[in-house]
Amino acid sequence: METAGRRRPGPTGQSLSFERVGIDRIKEESRTSTPWTFFVIIVGNSATLASMIYGWIPITFGLDVWGAVSSIVVGTTVGIAALLPLILMGSRTATNNATSSGAHFGVRGRIIGSTVGLVITAVSTAVVIWTSGSATVGLSSRLLDTATTDAALAVTYGLIALLTALVAIYGYHLLVRVAWVLMIAGGLVVLAMPIAFSGDIDLGYQGGDYLLGRYGSTWLLAAITVGVSGVLQIGTLVGDWTRYISAQRHSTAKLASVASLGVFVGYVVPMSIGAVVATAFVDPTASFPENLAGNAPIWYAMMLLPFALLGGLAWAASGMYSSGLDLESLVPRLSRAGATILAGTVSVGLVFLGSLVWDAADSIATASLVVLAVIAPWAAIMAIGFLRQRGTYLPDDLQMFNRGQRGGAYWFSGGWNWRAVAAWCGGSLFGLLALQTAHYVGPLANLAGGVDVSFVGSYLIAGILFLVFDVLAPAPAGALARAVEGASSSPTQGATRSGWE
C-alpha cells in the first residue's frame, strides 16, 4: 500500500502512504501539505449531522432564527481569532500541539496538554460514533423497517468504529483523502437540507421563551457556548494537521487566511443551516435528530441514511488519530499505530458501555464540559506564548522528553515552567467552579446572570495570569534567545520563525 500510494500526490498535494512517524519532528521533505489541505480537513470534518445539531442549540435557547444565526457567526469569528496561534504552531514546530506545548509549559509540563487532549478526543470520538450509530438505526427503521434493538445498535456502532479505526491507524494521509470525499459528499447533503424543508422553513420565526429571560444575555450565551467554545475545543487537534505544512514554503499570512476561511465555512454553514431548518418543524425546540428523521421527505431521508452512517467518519477518525498522538506523547515507547489502537479501544468501549450498559449519555456530556473547562486555559497560555515568542521555536529541543533526555531550551525548572502551570491551575479552578452541567452546578455558575462563562472565563483568567507571571518573573532568557539566534542562522539548526516580527 505504501509503495503504490507514493506514485503521485492527490488533490490536496499529499501522497497516500501509511504514516509511520508519530510525535517526532516531521522531516521537511515530508511536509508536502498546503494551507488548502487544512481547509479540506476542517470542512470535511465539519460537514456532519452533529454540526447541524450544534447549530440548533441557539433555537432551543429561545432565540429567533436570525438571532441564532448571528450568534453563530459572531461567536465563530471570535473563536477563530483565539484559535489562530494554535493553527500556526504546528507549522512552526513540525509536531503536534501537545508536544509543542513544551515550549511554554516545559518539556515535562507538556503532559498537561497531552492528558487533557487525550481525554477530550477520546470522549468526542465516542460521542460522534454514538450519535452516528443512533441516527443510522433510526433512519434505517423508517426506510427499511429494520429493528431498533440493542443488537442493531451494537452492530452499527461496531461497523462505524471499525471504519474509524482503519482510517486513524493508517494515518494522516488517508485521513486527508476521507476528508476530501466527505467535504464533497457531506457538503451536498448539508446544502440539500434547506431545499428538502423549503416549504416549511419559517425565516420569520420569532423564537420562544429566552433561556436567561432576556434577549441580550441569551444571545451572548449562544455566541459563547456554540460559537467560541465550539471552535476552541479543536485547539488540541489542529497542530496534528498543520505539522505537515512547511513554514518555509507557505507564509504565515497564507496559512492564517486559508485556515480562517476553512474554520468559518466549516462551522458557520452547517450550523446556520441547522438553525434555519429547525424552524420547519412543528416544535423547533424538540429533538433535532428525531424531527429530521421523522419529517424529512423520503428522497432526502434516503440521502441521510448513508450520511448518518459515514458522515461523522472524518471527525471520529480525526479524534481517534489525535488521541493516539496524545497517548504516544505520554508514553513515547509506543508507536503511533499502537497508541492509536489503545486510545481507540477506550473510545469504542465508552460507546458500548455508555449506550448499552450504563445509559450514560448525560454523564459523557458532563465529562466533555469538564474537560473543556481545563482545555480553555491551556489554549490561552499556548496562544500568548506563541505571540510573546513571535512564533519562533527550536523543534529539536521540543523532543527532549520523547528521547528521555534532560536540558535544552525548554527545560525551565526540572522540565516545568511554573508560570504556565500556575496560570493553568488558576484558570482551570475558575472554569470548574463556574461550570453548569446536568450533574454538577458550580458555586460560581450564576456569576454572569445565568450565562455559562466557565469556558471563556477560564481562558481569559489563565491568559492574564500567564502574561502577568511572565512579565513580573520572566523565564530564563536563554530559551527565546536561542530560538531567535537559531532562526536567524541556517535552517539545519532546527529553528523556524513565523514572520510575526
Protein backbone atom coordinates (compact mmCIF):
# COMPACT_ATOMS: atom_id res chain seq x y z
CA MET A 1 0.00 0.00 0.00
CA GLU A 2 2.80 2.37 0.88
CA THR A 3 4.65 1.85 -2.40
CA ALA A 4 1.55 2.19 -4.50
CA GLY A 5 0.38 5.22 -2.60
CA ARG A 6 3.53 7.21 -3.32
CA ARG A 7 3.14 7.27 -7.07
CA ARG A 8 1.52 10.66 -7.22
CA PRO A 9 0.08 13.26 -4.84
CA GLY A 10 -3.66 13.66 -4.57
CA PRO A 11 -5.77 16.79 -4.99
CA THR A 12 -4.56 18.20 -1.68
CA GLY A 13 -0.88 17.82 -2.51
CA GLN A 14 -0.38 14.91 -0.10
CA SER A 15 0.58 11.44 -1.36
CA LEU A 16 -1.23 8.46 0.16
CA SER A 17 1.00 6.28 2.34
CA PHE A 18 0.91 4.57 5.71
CA GLU A 19 2.06 7.08 8.32
CA ARG A 20 4.97 5.74 10.34
CA VAL A 21 6.02 8.93 12.11
CA GLY A 22 4.25 9.86 15.34
CA ILE A 23 5.05 12.86 17.51
CA ASP A 24 8.62 13.05 16.20
CA ARG A 25 9.52 16.09 14.16
CA ILE A 26 8.25 15.74 10.59
CA LYS A 27 11.10 15.93 8.10
CA GLU A 28 10.97 18.94 5.80
CA GLU A 29 10.80 16.84 2.64
CA SER A 30 7.71 15.06 4.01
CA ARG A 31 5.84 18.28 4.75
CA THR A 32 4.04 18.41 1.43
CA SER A 33 0.61 19.58 2.57
CA THR A 34 -0.62 23.09 1.82
CA PRO A 35 -2.94 25.53 3.61
CA TRP A 36 -5.70 24.20 1.37
CA THR A 37 -5.12 20.73 2.81
CA PHE A 38 -6.10 22.16 6.18
CA PHE A 39 -9.17 23.71 4.55
CA VAL A 40 -10.22 20.31 3.20
CA ILE A 41 -9.75 18.59 6.57
CA ILE A 42 -11.65 21.15 8.63
CA VAL A 43 -14.55 21.47 6.18
CA GLY A 44 -14.73 17.71 5.59
CA ASN A 45 -14.75 17.05 9.33
CA SER A 46 -17.50 19.63 9.88
CA ALA A 47 -19.91 18.52 7.15
CA THR A 48 -21.76 16.29 9.61
CA LEU A 49 -25.16 15.88 11.19
CA ALA A 50 -23.58 16.73 14.53
CA SER A 51 -22.59 20.20 13.26
CA MET A 52 -26.18 20.95 12.25
CA ILE A 53 -27.44 19.71 15.62
CA TYR A 54 -24.98 22.12 17.24
CA GLY A 55 -26.50 24.99 15.25
CA TRP A 56 -29.96 24.03 16.54
CA ILE A 57 -28.91 24.74 20.13
CA PRO A 58 -29.48 28.56 19.97
CA ILE A 59 -33.04 27.84 18.83
CA THR A 60 -33.57 25.76 21.98
CA PHE A 61 -32.38 28.78 23.97
CA GLY A 62 -35.42 30.69 22.65
CA LEU A 63 -33.66 32.84 20.04
CA ASP A 64 -35.30 33.82 16.76
CA VAL A 65 -33.78 32.43 13.58
CA TRP A 66 -31.64 35.50 12.78
CA GLY A 67 -30.54 35.83 16.38
CA ALA A 68 -29.41 32.22 16.28
CA VAL A 69 -27.50 32.67 13.02
CA SER A 70 -25.86 35.93 14.13
CA SER A 71 -24.72 34.36 17.42
CA ILE A 72 -23.13 31.54 15.45
CA VAL A 73 -21.36 33.93 13.06
CA VAL A 74 -20.05 36.30 15.74
CA GLY A 75 -19.06 33.55 18.17
CA THR A 76 -17.23 31.60 15.49
CA THR A 77 -15.36 34.71 14.34
CA VAL A 78 -14.15 35.42 17.88
CA GLY A 79 -13.19 31.78 18.32
CA ILE A 80 -11.14 31.82 15.11
CA ALA A 81 -9.08 34.77 16.37
CA ALA A 82 -8.24 32.82 19.54
CA LEU A 83 -7.55 29.60 17.60
CA LEU A 84 -5.15 31.03 15.00
CA PRO A 85 -1.93 30.78 17.07
CA LEU A 86 -2.68 27.10 17.71
CA ILE A 87 -3.19 26.54 13.98
CA LEU A 88 0.11 28.22 13.09
CA MET A 89 2.08 26.48 15.82
CA GLY A 90 2.15 23.05 14.18
CA SER A 91 3.61 24.58 11.02
CA ARG A 92 6.42 26.14 13.07
CA THR A 93 7.33 23.11 15.19
CA ALA A 94 6.60 20.21 12.79
CA THR A 95 4.91 18.27 15.59
CA ASN A 96 1.52 18.13 17.30
CA ASN A 97 0.36 20.85 19.69
CA ALA A 98 0.67 18.73 22.83
CA THR A 99 4.39 18.27 22.14
CA SER A 100 4.72 21.91 21.06
CA SER A 101 3.29 23.00 24.42
CA GLY A 102 6.63 22.03 25.94
CA ALA A 103 7.92 25.41 24.72
CA HIS A 104 5.59 27.13 27.20
CA PHE A 105 4.84 24.53 29.90
CA GLY A 106 8.27 22.86 29.85
CA VAL A 107 9.19 19.59 28.18
CA ARG A 108 7.74 17.69 31.12
CA GLY A 109 4.90 20.14 31.76
CA ARG A 110 3.58 19.39 28.31
CA ILE A 111 1.96 16.26 29.79
CA ILE A 112 -0.88 18.60 30.84
CA GLY A 113 -1.82 19.20 27.21
CA SER A 114 -1.30 15.56 26.32
CA THR A 115 -3.57 14.36 29.13
CA VAL A 116 -6.48 16.74 28.61
CA GLY A 117 -6.17 16.34 24.84
CA LEU A 118 -6.29 12.56 25.17
CA VAL A 119 -9.44 12.69 27.31
CA ILE A 120 -11.40 15.17 25.20
CA THR A 121 -10.58 13.47 21.89
CA ALA A 122 -11.43 10.03 23.28
CA VAL A 123 -14.77 11.30 24.59
CA SER A 124 -15.60 13.30 21.44
CA THR A 125 -14.80 10.29 19.25
CA ALA A 126 -17.16 8.19 21.35
CA VAL A 127 -19.91 10.80 21.10
CA VAL A 128 -19.61 11.01 17.28
CA ILE A 129 -19.78 7.21 16.90
CA TRP A 130 -22.65 7.14 19.36
CA THR A 131 -24.78 9.78 17.62
CA SER A 132 -24.00 8.48 14.12
CA GLY A 133 -24.97 4.96 15.10
CA SER A 134 -28.20 6.03 16.77
CA ALA A 135 -29.25 8.18 13.80
CA THR A 136 -28.43 5.36 11.37
CA VAL A 137 -30.56 2.84 13.25
CA GLY A 138 -33.46 5.32 13.44
CA LEU A 139 -33.40 6.16 9.74
CA SER A 140 -32.96 2.51 8.76
CA SER A 141 -36.03 1.65 10.82
CA ARG A 142 -38.12 4.23 8.98
CA LEU A 143 -36.90 3.43 5.46
CA LEU A 144 -36.21 -0.30 5.65
CA ASP A 145 -38.37 -1.32 8.62
CA THR A 146 -35.36 -2.76 10.43
CA ALA A 147 -35.17 -3.39 14.16
CA THR A 148 -34.11 -0.75 16.68
CA THR A 149 -32.84 -3.20 19.27
CA ASP A 150 -29.62 -3.08 21.26
CA ALA A 151 -28.23 -5.70 18.90
CA ALA A 152 -28.85 -3.43 15.92
CA LEU A 153 -27.17 -0.56 17.73
CA ALA A 154 -24.20 -2.75 18.65
CA VAL A 155 -23.68 -3.89 15.05
CA THR A 156 -23.90 -0.30 13.77
CA TYR A 157 -21.53 1.02 16.44
CA GLY A 158 -19.10 -1.76 15.61
CA LEU A 159 -19.15 -1.00 11.88
CA ILE A 160 -18.57 2.73 12.39
CA ALA A 161 -15.85 2.07 14.96
CA LEU A 162 -14.07 -0.36 12.62
CA LEU A 163 -14.05 2.11 9.73
CA THR A 164 -12.93 4.89 12.07
CA ALA A 165 -10.07 2.80 13.44
CA LEU A 166 -8.86 1.77 9.97
CA VAL A 167 -8.59 5.41 8.88
CA ALA A 168 -6.99 6.58 12.14
CA ILE A 169 -4.44 3.76 12.24
CA TYR A 170 -3.45 4.20 8.58
CA GLY A 171 -2.79 7.81 9.46
CA TYR A 172 -2.80 11.36 8.24
CA HIS A 173 -2.57 10.68 4.52
CA LEU A 174 -5.74 8.55 4.40
CA LEU A 175 -7.44 10.98 6.77
CA VAL A 176 -6.93 13.75 4.21
CA ARG A 177 -8.48 11.59 1.46
CA VAL A 178 -11.51 10.75 3.59
CA ALA A 179 -12.00 14.40 4.49
CA TRP A 180 -11.82 15.33 0.80
CA VAL A 181 -14.56 12.85 -0.13
CA LEU A 182 -16.78 13.82 2.79
CA MET A 183 -16.30 17.52 2.09
CA ILE A 184 -17.91 16.95 -1.31
CA ALA A 185 -20.49 14.30 -0.42
CA GLY A 186 -21.33 15.67 3.01
CA GLY A 187 -21.44 19.20 1.68
CA LEU A 188 -24.08 18.20 -0.86
CA VAL A 189 -26.24 16.60 1.86
CA VAL A 190 -25.85 19.66 4.11
CA LEU A 191 -26.74 22.10 1.32
CA ALA A 192 -29.69 19.95 0.23
CA MET A 193 -31.28 20.08 3.67
CA PRO A 194 -32.87 23.56 3.33
CA ILE A 195 -34.13 22.52 -0.11
CA ALA A 196 -35.78 19.43 1.37
CA PHE A 197 -37.60 21.51 4.00
CA SER A 198 -38.04 24.69 1.93
CA GLY A 199 -41.83 24.52 2.03
CA ASP A 200 -41.91 24.60 5.84
CA ILE A 201 -38.94 26.78 6.80
CA ASP A 202 -40.05 29.94 8.61
CA LEU A 203 -37.45 32.70 8.19
CA GLY A 204 -39.67 34.92 10.32
CA TYR A 205 -39.57 32.56 13.30
CA GLN A 206 -39.63 34.72 16.42
CA GLY A 207 -38.27 32.25 18.92
CA GLY A 208 -39.71 31.26 22.28
CA ASP A 209 -39.05 31.98 25.93
CA TYR A 210 -35.49 33.20 26.37
CA LEU A 211 -33.43 30.76 28.40
CA LEU A 212 -31.97 33.56 30.50
CA GLY A 213 -35.07 35.77 30.48
CA ARG A 214 -33.59 38.45 28.20
CA TYR A 215 -32.61 38.51 24.55
CA GLY A 216 -29.15 40.02 25.02
CA SER A 217 -27.89 37.62 27.68
CA THR A 218 -29.39 34.62 25.86
CA TRP A 219 -27.78 35.69 22.57
CA LEU A 220 -24.43 36.08 24.37
CA LEU A 221 -24.81 32.62 25.90
CA ALA A 222 -25.36 31.13 22.43
CA ALA A 223 -22.39 33.00 20.96
CA ILE A 224 -20.11 31.72 23.72
CA THR A 225 -21.29 28.13 24.07
CA VAL A 226 -21.88 27.39 20.37
CA GLY A 227 -19.54 29.79 18.55
CA VAL A 228 -16.47 30.49 20.70
CA SER A 229 -16.40 27.22 22.65
CA GLY A 230 -17.21 25.16 19.57
CA VAL A 231 -14.16 26.50 17.74
CA LEU A 232 -11.70 26.41 20.63
CA GLN A 233 -12.39 22.81 21.54
CA ILE A 234 -10.39 21.71 18.45
CA GLY A 235 -7.32 23.54 19.76
CA THR A 236 -5.56 20.29 20.64
CA LEU A 237 -6.23 18.83 17.18
CA VAL A 238 -5.23 21.49 14.66
CA GLY A 239 -1.49 21.01 15.11
CA ASP A 240 -1.91 17.38 14.04
CA TRP A 241 -2.80 18.69 10.58
CA THR A 242 -0.62 21.79 10.22
CA ARG A 243 2.59 19.97 11.21
CA TYR A 244 2.65 18.69 7.61
CA ILE A 245 2.58 22.27 6.24
CA SER A 246 6.06 23.73 5.78
CA ALA A 247 6.62 27.18 7.25
CA GLN A 248 9.46 27.63 4.75
CA ARG A 249 7.20 27.16 1.71
CA HIS A 250 3.93 28.67 2.97
CA SER A 251 3.74 32.09 4.58
CA THR A 252 2.03 32.89 7.85
CA ALA A 253 -0.43 35.16 6.05
CA LYS A 254 -1.45 32.43 3.58
CA LEU A 255 -1.93 29.75 6.23
CA ALA A 256 -3.77 32.11 8.56
CA SER A 257 -6.17 33.36 5.89
CA VAL A 258 -6.97 29.96 4.33
CA ALA A 259 -7.30 28.27 7.73
CA SER A 260 -9.62 31.04 8.98
CA LEU A 261 -11.76 30.65 5.89
CA GLY A 262 -11.91 26.89 6.39
CA VAL A 263 -12.98 27.14 10.03
CA PHE A 264 -15.56 29.82 9.21
CA VAL A 265 -17.10 27.86 6.33
CA GLY A 266 -16.87 24.53 8.15
CA TYR A 267 -18.60 25.82 11.26
CA VAL A 268 -20.92 28.63 10.20
CA VAL A 269 -22.53 26.99 7.14
CA PRO A 270 -23.75 23.67 8.64
CA MET A 271 -24.64 25.22 12.00
CA SER A 272 -26.61 28.05 10.39
CA ILE A 273 -28.45 25.55 8.19
CA GLY A 274 -29.30 23.55 11.30
CA ALA A 275 -30.75 26.65 12.95
CA VAL A 276 -32.80 27.59 9.87
CA VAL A 277 -34.12 24.08 9.20
CA ALA A 278 -35.24 23.72 12.83
CA THR A 279 -37.92 26.35 12.12
CA ALA A 280 -39.56 23.92 9.68
CA PHE A 281 -40.62 21.59 12.49
CA VAL A 282 -43.85 21.85 14.46
CA ASP A 283 -41.79 22.23 17.62
CA PRO A 284 -38.39 23.71 16.65
CA THR A 285 -37.01 23.09 20.16
CA ALA A 286 -37.81 19.35 20.15
CA SER A 287 -35.08 16.80 19.38
CA PHE A 288 -33.45 17.80 16.09
CA PRO A 289 -32.40 14.26 15.05
CA GLU A 290 -35.88 12.87 15.75
CA ASN A 291 -37.58 15.74 13.91
CA LEU A 292 -35.20 15.31 11.00
CA ALA A 293 -35.65 11.55 10.70
CA GLY A 294 -39.41 11.72 11.13
CA ASN A 295 -40.21 14.70 8.89
CA ALA A 296 -37.67 14.54 6.05
CA PRO A 297 -39.07 13.82 2.58
CA ILE A 298 -38.35 10.24 1.51
CA TRP A 299 -35.83 11.34 -1.13
CA TYR A 300 -33.86 13.28 1.48
CA ALA A 301 -34.21 10.56 4.12
CA MET A 302 -32.53 8.22 1.64
CA MET A 303 -29.64 10.69 1.39
CA LEU A 304 -29.48 10.98 5.17
CA LEU A 305 -29.09 7.24 5.79
CA PRO A 306 -25.55 6.89 4.39
CA PHE A 307 -24.78 10.40 5.66
CA ALA A 308 -25.73 9.38 9.21
CA LEU A 309 -23.61 6.23 8.92
CA LEU A 310 -20.50 7.73 7.33
CA GLY A 311 -20.89 11.49 7.72
CA GLY A 312 -19.07 11.58 11.05
CA LEU A 313 -16.26 9.27 9.88
CA ALA A 314 -13.75 12.04 9.20
CA TRP A 315 -14.35 13.72 12.55
CA ALA A 316 -14.34 10.45 14.52
CA ALA A 317 -11.16 9.32 12.74
CA SER A 318 -9.51 12.69 13.41
CA GLY A 319 -10.38 12.39 17.09
CA MET A 320 -9.07 8.82 17.34
CA TYR A 321 -5.94 9.77 15.39
CA SER A 322 -5.31 12.73 17.70
CA SER A 323 -5.89 10.66 20.84
CA GLY A 324 -3.26 8.23 19.56
CA LEU A 325 -0.72 11.02 19.21
CA ASP A 326 -1.58 12.32 22.69
CA LEU A 327 -1.13 8.86 24.20
CA GLU A 328 2.19 8.45 22.39
CA SER A 329 3.36 11.77 23.80
CA LEU A 330 2.64 10.44 27.29
CA VAL A 331 4.23 7.03 26.60
CA PRO A 332 6.91 7.66 23.94
CA ARG A 333 7.79 3.95 23.76
CA LEU A 334 4.51 3.30 21.97
CA SER A 335 4.35 3.54 18.21
CA ARG A 336 1.79 5.88 16.66
CA ALA A 337 -0.29 2.97 15.36
CA GLY A 338 -0.08 1.10 18.67
CA ALA A 339 -1.08 4.16 20.67
CA THR A 340 -3.98 4.78 18.28
CA ILE A 341 -5.24 1.23 18.76
CA LEU A 342 -5.16 1.58 22.56
CA ALA A 343 -6.81 5.02 22.57
CA GLY A 344 -9.40 3.88 20.03
CA THR A 345 -10.25 0.85 22.16
CA VAL A 346 -11.07 3.16 25.06
CA SER A 347 -13.31 5.34 22.87
CA VAL A 348 -15.17 2.35 21.46
CA GLY A 349 -15.52 0.93 24.95
CA LEU A 350 -17.16 4.19 26.06
CA VAL A 351 -19.64 3.87 23.20
CA PHE A 352 -20.77 0.36 24.10
CA LEU A 353 -20.72 0.80 27.87
CA GLY A 354 -22.31 4.25 27.82
CA SER A 355 -25.10 3.34 25.42
CA LEU A 356 -25.84 -0.33 26.03
CA VAL A 357 -24.84 -0.83 29.67
CA TRP A 358 -24.87 2.41 31.67
CA ASP A 359 -27.21 4.62 29.61
CA ALA A 360 -24.73 7.34 30.48
CA ALA A 361 -25.29 9.96 27.77
CA ASP A 362 -25.61 12.81 30.28
CA SER A 363 -22.52 11.65 32.17
CA ILE A 364 -20.44 11.62 28.98
CA ALA A 365 -21.69 15.11 28.10
CA THR A 366 -20.78 16.32 31.59
CA ALA A 367 -17.30 14.83 31.26
CA SER A 368 -16.85 16.69 27.95
CA LEU A 369 -17.75 20.03 29.55
CA VAL A 370 -15.41 19.41 32.48
CA VAL A 371 -12.50 18.67 30.15
CA LEU A 372 -13.31 21.75 28.02
CA ALA A 373 -13.08 23.88 31.17
CA VAL A 374 -9.46 22.79 31.62
CA ILE A 375 -8.56 22.86 27.92
CA ALA A 376 -9.54 26.54 27.58
CA PRO A 377 -6.79 27.85 29.92
CA TRP A 378 -4.25 25.60 28.20
CA ALA A 379 -5.22 27.10 24.84
CA ALA A 380 -4.91 30.66 26.21
CA ILE A 381 -1.40 30.03 27.52
CA MET A 382 -0.36 28.47 24.23
CA ALA A 383 -1.66 31.45 22.26
CA ILE A 384 0.03 34.05 24.46
CA GLY A 385 3.26 32.06 24.49
CA PHE A 386 3.19 31.90 20.70
CA LEU A 387 2.74 35.66 20.42
CA ARG A 388 5.37 36.51 23.05
CA GLN A 389 7.92 34.24 21.35
CA ARG A 390 6.91 35.65 17.96
CA GLY A 391 6.13 32.18 16.66
CA THR A 392 9.77 31.15 16.96
CA TYR A 393 10.69 27.69 18.26
CA LEU A 394 13.52 25.17 18.45
CA PRO A 395 11.80 22.00 17.20
CA ASP A 396 14.61 19.65 18.21
CA ASP A 397 14.55 20.91 21.82
CA LEU A 398 10.83 20.10 22.00
CA GLN A 399 11.68 16.40 21.52
CA MET A 400 13.83 16.08 24.68
CA PHE A 401 11.13 14.29 26.69
CA ASN A 402 10.46 11.84 23.86
CA ARG A 403 14.15 10.93 23.78
CA GLY A 404 14.41 10.52 27.56
CA GLN A 405 16.88 13.42 27.75
CA ARG A 406 17.24 16.39 30.09
CA GLY A 407 18.06 20.02 29.39
CA GLY A 408 17.50 22.09 26.29
CA ALA A 409 15.93 25.49 25.77
CA TYR A 410 12.61 24.45 27.31
CA TRP A 411 13.83 22.70 30.45
CA PHE A 412 12.93 25.66 32.72
CA SER A 413 12.84 24.18 36.30
CA GLY A 414 13.11 20.41 36.18
CA GLY A 415 11.23 20.34 32.88
CA TRP A 416 8.34 22.51 34.17
CA ASN A 417 7.55 26.20 33.60
CA TRP A 418 5.82 27.16 36.86
CA ARG A 419 4.38 30.34 35.28
CA ALA A 420 2.34 28.40 32.76
CA VAL A 421 1.39 25.65 35.21
CA ALA A 422 0.22 28.14 37.86
CA ALA A 423 -1.79 30.12 35.29
CA TRP A 424 -3.38 26.92 34.00
CA CYS A 425 -4.32 25.86 37.54
CA GLY A 426 -5.90 29.26 38.23
CA GLY A 427 -7.91 29.28 35.01
CA SER A 428 -8.99 25.65 35.43
CA LEU A 429 -10.12 26.27 39.00
CA PHE A 430 -12.37 29.11 37.88
CA GLY A 431 -13.69 27.03 34.97
CA LEU A 432 -14.67 24.16 37.25
CA LEU A 433 -16.25 26.46 39.85
CA ALA A 434 -18.31 28.25 37.17
CA LEU A 435 -19.40 25.10 35.36
CA GLN A 436 -23.07 24.22 34.77
CA THR A 437 -23.96 20.67 33.77
CA ALA A 438 -26.81 18.21 34.26
CA HIS A 439 -24.89 16.59 37.13
CA TYR A 440 -22.95 19.48 38.63
CA VAL A 441 -23.53 23.19 39.15
CA GLY A 442 -20.51 25.11 40.45
CA PRO A 443 -20.75 27.80 43.14
CA LEU A 444 -19.90 30.48 40.55
CA ALA A 445 -22.35 29.21 37.94
CA ASN A 446 -24.64 32.25 38.29
CA LEU A 447 -21.81 34.76 38.29
CA ALA A 448 -22.94 36.28 34.96
CA GLY A 449 -26.69 36.09 35.42
CA GLY A 450 -27.02 32.57 34.11
CA VAL A 451 -24.57 32.89 31.19
CA ASP A 452 -22.12 29.97 31.30
CA VAL A 453 -18.77 31.73 31.47
CA SER A 454 -16.76 28.69 32.56
CA PHE A 455 -15.05 28.21 29.19
CA VAL A 456 -14.41 31.85 28.26
CA GLY A 457 -13.69 32.87 31.86
CA SER A 458 -11.08 30.18 32.37
CA TYR A 459 -9.50 31.16 29.04
CA LEU A 460 -9.23 34.85 29.97
CA ILE A 461 -8.08 34.27 33.56
CA ALA A 462 -5.34 31.83 32.56
CA GLY A 463 -4.16 34.13 29.78
CA ILE A 464 -3.98 37.17 32.05
CA LEU A 465 -2.23 35.25 34.84
CA PHE A 466 0.35 33.80 32.45
CA LEU A 467 1.06 37.20 30.95
CA VAL A 468 1.46 38.80 34.40
CA PHE A 469 3.71 36.00 35.68
CA ASP A 470 5.85 36.10 32.55
CA VAL A 471 6.26 39.87 32.76
CA LEU A 472 6.95 40.08 36.51
CA ALA A 473 9.11 36.94 36.72
CA PRO A 474 10.32 36.22 33.18
CA ALA A 475 11.55 32.76 32.32
CA PRO A 476 15.28 32.42 31.73
CA ALA A 477 16.10 34.41 28.62
CA GLY A 478 18.02 31.52 27.14
CA ALA A 479 15.03 29.79 25.57
CA LEU A 480 13.82 32.70 23.46
CA ALA A 481 17.33 33.99 22.78
CA ARG A 482 18.49 30.62 21.48
CA ALA A 483 15.36 30.26 19.37
CA VAL A 484 15.80 33.67 17.76
CA GLU A 485 19.50 33.03 17.21
CA GLY A 486 18.73 29.65 15.63
CA ALA A 487 16.04 31.15 13.42
CA SER A 488 18.42 33.72 12.02
CA SER A 489 21.04 31.11 11.13
CA SER A 490 20.97 28.00 8.96
CA PRO A 491 17.66 26.12 8.75
CA THR A 492 19.52 22.93 9.51
CA GLN A 493 19.97 24.13 13.10
CA GLY A 494 16.35 23.28 13.73
CA ALA A 495 14.61 26.59 14.41
CA THR A 496 11.74 28.07 12.47
CA ARG A 497 10.32 31.54 12.58
CA SER A 498 6.81 32.67 11.76
CA GLY A 499 7.24 36.10 10.27
CA TRP A 500 5.32 37.80 13.09
CA GLU A 501 8.28 40.05 13.91
